[in-house]
N, C-alpha and C. Protein backbone atom coordinates (compact mmCIF):
# COMPACT_ATOMS: atom_id res chain seq x y z
N SER A 1 105.58 99.08 43.63
CA SER A 1 104.61 99.75 42.77
C SER A 1 103.90 98.73 41.89
N SER A 2 102.64 98.93 41.69
CA SER A 2 101.89 98.01 40.85
C SER A 2 101.98 98.47 39.40
N GLY A 3 101.75 97.55 38.49
CA GLY A 3 101.85 97.86 37.07
C GLY A 3 100.56 98.39 36.48
N ARG A 4 99.65 98.83 37.33
CA ARG A 4 98.35 99.30 36.85
C ARG A 4 98.45 100.74 36.38
N ARG A 5 97.76 101.02 35.30
CA ARG A 5 97.72 102.39 34.78
C ARG A 5 96.56 103.15 35.39
N MET A 6 96.71 104.48 35.43
CA MET A 6 95.61 105.31 35.86
C MET A 6 94.53 105.28 34.78
N LYS A 7 93.27 105.17 35.20
CA LYS A 7 92.18 105.08 34.23
C LYS A 7 92.01 106.43 33.52
N SER A 8 91.96 106.38 32.22
CA SER A 8 91.79 107.58 31.40
C SER A 8 90.32 107.99 31.39
N THR A 9 90.05 109.28 31.35
CA THR A 9 88.67 109.75 31.34
C THR A 9 88.07 109.73 29.94
N ALA A 10 88.90 109.64 28.94
CA ALA A 10 88.42 109.57 27.55
C ALA A 10 89.33 108.61 26.79
N PRO A 11 88.80 107.97 25.74
CA PRO A 11 89.66 107.06 24.97
C PRO A 11 90.88 107.78 24.41
N ARG A 12 92.02 107.12 24.49
CA ARG A 12 93.28 107.72 24.05
C ARG A 12 93.23 108.17 22.59
N CYS A 13 92.64 107.33 21.71
CA CYS A 13 92.61 107.69 20.30
C CYS A 13 91.76 108.94 20.06
N THR A 14 90.68 109.09 20.84
CA THR A 14 89.83 110.28 20.70
C THR A 14 90.61 111.53 21.11
N LEU A 15 91.32 111.44 22.22
CA LEU A 15 92.12 112.58 22.67
C LEU A 15 93.18 112.94 21.64
N ARG A 16 93.84 111.92 21.10
CA ARG A 16 94.88 112.17 20.09
C ARG A 16 94.30 112.85 18.85
N LYS A 17 93.13 112.39 18.39
CA LYS A 17 92.50 112.98 17.20
C LYS A 17 92.17 114.45 17.44
N ILE A 18 91.63 114.75 18.61
CA ILE A 18 91.27 116.13 18.92
C ILE A 18 92.50 117.02 18.96
N ILE A 19 93.54 116.55 19.64
CA ILE A 19 94.77 117.35 19.73
C ILE A 19 95.41 117.52 18.35
N LYS A 20 95.49 116.44 17.58
CA LYS A 20 96.10 116.52 16.24
C LYS A 20 95.33 117.44 15.31
N LYS A 21 94.00 117.49 15.47
CA LYS A 21 93.19 118.36 14.63
C LYS A 21 93.52 119.83 14.88
N HIS A 22 93.73 120.18 16.14
CA HIS A 22 93.94 121.58 16.50
C HIS A 22 95.41 121.95 16.65
N LYS A 23 96.26 120.97 16.86
CA LYS A 23 97.70 121.20 16.99
C LYS A 23 98.44 120.16 16.15
N PRO A 24 98.34 120.23 14.81
CA PRO A 24 98.92 119.18 13.98
C PRO A 24 100.45 119.08 14.09
N HIS A 25 101.11 120.14 14.48
CA HIS A 25 102.57 120.12 14.58
C HIS A 25 103.06 119.44 15.86
N LEU A 26 102.16 119.20 16.80
CA LEU A 26 102.53 118.63 18.10
C LEU A 26 102.79 117.14 17.98
N ARG A 27 103.96 116.68 18.48
CA ARG A 27 104.29 115.26 18.48
C ARG A 27 104.10 114.73 19.89
N LEU A 28 103.36 113.64 20.01
CA LEU A 28 103.03 113.10 21.32
C LEU A 28 103.63 111.72 21.51
N ALA A 29 104.16 111.48 22.71
CA ALA A 29 104.69 110.16 23.04
C ALA A 29 103.52 109.19 23.20
N ALA A 30 103.81 107.91 23.09
CA ALA A 30 102.77 106.88 23.18
C ALA A 30 102.10 106.87 24.55
N ASN A 31 102.82 107.25 25.60
CA ASN A 31 102.26 107.20 26.95
C ASN A 31 101.89 108.59 27.47
N ALA A 32 101.43 109.45 26.62
CA ALA A 32 101.16 110.85 26.98
C ALA A 32 99.72 111.07 27.40
N ASP A 33 99.12 110.09 28.09
CA ASP A 33 97.71 110.20 28.50
C ASP A 33 97.43 111.44 29.34
N LEU A 34 98.23 111.66 30.36
CA LEU A 34 98.00 112.80 31.25
C LEU A 34 98.19 114.11 30.50
N LEU A 35 99.22 114.17 29.66
CA LEU A 35 99.46 115.37 28.85
C LEU A 35 98.27 115.63 27.93
N LEU A 36 97.76 114.57 27.31
CA LEU A 36 96.61 114.72 26.42
C LEU A 36 95.41 115.28 27.17
N GLU A 37 95.14 114.75 28.34
CA GLU A 37 93.99 115.22 29.10
C GLU A 37 94.17 116.67 29.53
N CYS A 38 95.38 117.06 29.91
CA CYS A 38 95.63 118.45 30.30
C CYS A 38 95.44 119.39 29.11
N LEU A 39 95.96 118.99 27.95
CA LEU A 39 95.79 119.82 26.76
C LEU A 39 94.32 119.94 26.37
N LEU A 40 93.60 118.85 26.50
CA LEU A 40 92.18 118.86 26.17
C LEU A 40 91.41 119.80 27.09
N VAL A 41 91.70 119.72 28.39
CA VAL A 41 91.04 120.61 29.35
C VAL A 41 91.39 122.06 29.03
N PHE A 42 92.67 122.34 28.75
CA PHE A 42 93.09 123.70 28.41
C PHE A 42 92.38 124.20 27.16
N PHE A 43 92.29 123.33 26.13
CA PHE A 43 91.65 123.70 24.88
C PHE A 43 90.18 124.05 25.09
N PHE A 44 89.46 123.18 25.80
CA PHE A 44 88.04 123.43 26.02
C PHE A 44 87.81 124.61 26.95
N PHE A 45 88.73 124.85 27.90
CA PHE A 45 88.62 126.01 28.76
C PHE A 45 88.76 127.29 27.93
N SER A 46 89.66 127.28 26.94
CA SER A 46 89.83 128.44 26.07
C SER A 46 88.55 128.71 25.27
N ILE A 47 87.95 127.64 24.75
CA ILE A 47 86.69 127.80 24.01
C ILE A 47 85.61 128.33 24.92
N LEU A 48 85.56 127.81 26.15
CA LEU A 48 84.54 128.24 27.10
C LEU A 48 84.68 129.72 27.41
N LYS A 49 85.92 130.21 27.56
CA LYS A 49 86.14 131.63 27.84
C LYS A 49 85.64 132.48 26.68
N VAL A 50 85.91 132.07 25.45
CA VAL A 50 85.45 132.82 24.28
C VAL A 50 83.93 132.81 24.23
N HIS A 51 83.34 131.64 24.46
CA HIS A 51 81.89 131.51 24.44
C HIS A 51 81.25 132.40 25.51
N LEU A 52 81.82 132.40 26.70
CA LEU A 52 81.29 133.23 27.78
C LEU A 52 81.42 134.71 27.44
N SER A 53 82.53 135.12 26.88
CA SER A 53 82.71 136.52 26.49
C SER A 53 81.68 136.93 25.45
N PHE A 54 81.42 136.04 24.51
CA PHE A 54 80.43 136.32 23.47
C PHE A 54 79.04 136.46 24.08
N LEU A 55 78.69 135.57 25.01
CA LEU A 55 77.39 135.64 25.66
C LEU A 55 77.24 136.93 26.47
N LEU A 56 78.31 137.33 27.14
CA LEU A 56 78.27 138.60 27.90
C LEU A 56 78.10 139.78 26.97
N PHE A 57 78.78 139.74 25.81
CA PHE A 57 78.62 140.81 24.83
C PHE A 57 77.18 140.87 24.33
N LEU A 58 76.60 139.71 23.99
CA LEU A 58 75.21 139.67 23.52
C LEU A 58 74.26 140.21 24.57
N HIS A 59 74.52 139.87 25.82
CA HIS A 59 73.66 140.36 26.91
C HIS A 59 73.74 141.88 27.01
N ARG A 60 74.96 142.42 26.95
CA ARG A 60 75.13 143.89 26.99
C ARG A 60 74.44 144.55 25.80
N LEU A 61 74.59 143.94 24.63
CA LEU A 61 73.97 144.48 23.42
C LEU A 61 72.45 144.48 23.56
N ALA A 62 71.89 143.41 24.07
CA ALA A 62 70.44 143.32 24.25
C ALA A 62 69.95 144.35 25.26
N GLU A 63 70.68 144.52 26.36
CA GLU A 63 70.28 145.51 27.37
C GLU A 63 70.32 146.93 26.80
N GLU A 64 71.37 147.22 26.06
CA GLU A 64 71.50 148.55 25.46
C GLU A 64 70.41 148.78 24.41
N ALA A 65 70.12 147.77 23.60
CA ALA A 65 69.05 147.89 22.60
C ALA A 65 67.70 148.08 23.27
N ARG A 66 67.48 147.38 24.38
CA ARG A 66 66.22 147.54 25.12
C ARG A 66 66.10 148.96 25.68
N THR A 67 67.21 149.49 26.19
CA THR A 67 67.21 150.87 26.69
C THR A 67 66.89 151.85 25.56
N ASN A 68 67.49 151.64 24.39
CA ASN A 68 67.22 152.50 23.24
C ASN A 68 65.75 152.43 22.84
N ALA A 69 65.19 151.25 22.83
CA ALA A 69 63.77 151.09 22.49
C ALA A 69 62.90 151.83 23.51
N PHE A 70 63.22 151.69 24.78
CA PHE A 70 62.46 152.37 25.83
C PHE A 70 62.54 153.88 25.68
N GLU A 71 63.73 154.39 25.38
CA GLU A 71 63.91 155.84 25.21
C GLU A 71 63.13 156.36 24.01
N ASN A 72 62.95 155.52 22.99
CA ASN A 72 62.17 155.90 21.81
C ASN A 72 60.69 155.55 21.95
N LYS A 73 60.30 155.20 23.17
CA LYS A 73 58.91 154.85 23.47
C LYS A 73 58.39 153.72 22.59
N SER A 74 59.23 152.76 22.34
CA SER A 74 58.87 151.61 21.52
C SER A 74 58.79 150.37 22.41
N LYS A 75 57.74 149.59 22.23
CA LYS A 75 57.59 148.36 23.00
C LYS A 75 58.34 147.19 22.36
N ILE A 76 58.81 147.41 21.14
CA ILE A 76 59.51 146.37 20.38
C ILE A 76 60.94 146.84 20.11
N ILE A 77 61.90 145.94 20.32
CA ILE A 77 63.29 146.27 19.99
C ILE A 77 63.45 146.07 18.48
N LYS A 78 63.75 147.16 17.79
CA LYS A 78 63.87 147.14 16.33
C LYS A 78 65.35 147.08 15.94
N PRO A 79 65.62 146.72 14.69
CA PRO A 79 67.02 146.66 14.24
C PRO A 79 67.79 147.96 14.47
N ASP A 80 67.13 149.10 14.31
CA ASP A 80 67.81 150.38 14.54
C ASP A 80 68.28 150.52 15.98
N HIS A 81 67.48 150.01 16.92
CA HIS A 81 67.88 150.08 18.32
C HIS A 81 69.13 149.24 18.57
N THR A 82 69.20 148.09 17.94
CA THR A 82 70.35 147.21 18.11
C THR A 82 71.59 147.79 17.43
N ILE A 83 71.41 148.36 16.25
CA ILE A 83 72.55 148.96 15.53
C ILE A 83 73.13 150.12 16.31
N SER A 84 72.27 150.98 16.85
CA SER A 84 72.79 152.11 17.63
C SER A 84 73.44 151.61 18.92
N ALA A 85 72.92 150.53 19.50
CA ALA A 85 73.54 149.95 20.68
C ALA A 85 74.93 149.41 20.36
N ALA A 86 75.07 148.77 19.21
CA ALA A 86 76.36 148.21 18.80
C ALA A 86 77.40 149.32 18.60
N LYS A 87 76.97 150.47 18.14
CA LYS A 87 77.90 151.57 17.94
C LYS A 87 78.43 152.11 19.26
N VAL A 88 77.61 152.03 20.30
CA VAL A 88 78.03 152.51 21.63
C VAL A 88 79.00 151.52 22.28
N LEU A 89 78.75 150.22 22.07
CA LEU A 89 79.62 149.21 22.68
C LEU A 89 80.91 149.13 21.92
């Protein structure tokens, strides 16, 4: 076996700072590069899921508000249309 390390996709200190910021109780070994990258991917995947859910909610809200505006024969989506849409969702 060669003594070469696998190339890291991000600087080790950057990964450590990100993990410590969000998981301050977590203790990491000095050679935890792979663990750090896995945690980072998991963390950003969680954020992405929340972001996607929020975007889907906004899209549904906009569609419902547009339907309310159309039913009220309005060419403009007004705050009342959005508020009534939010109550339905």
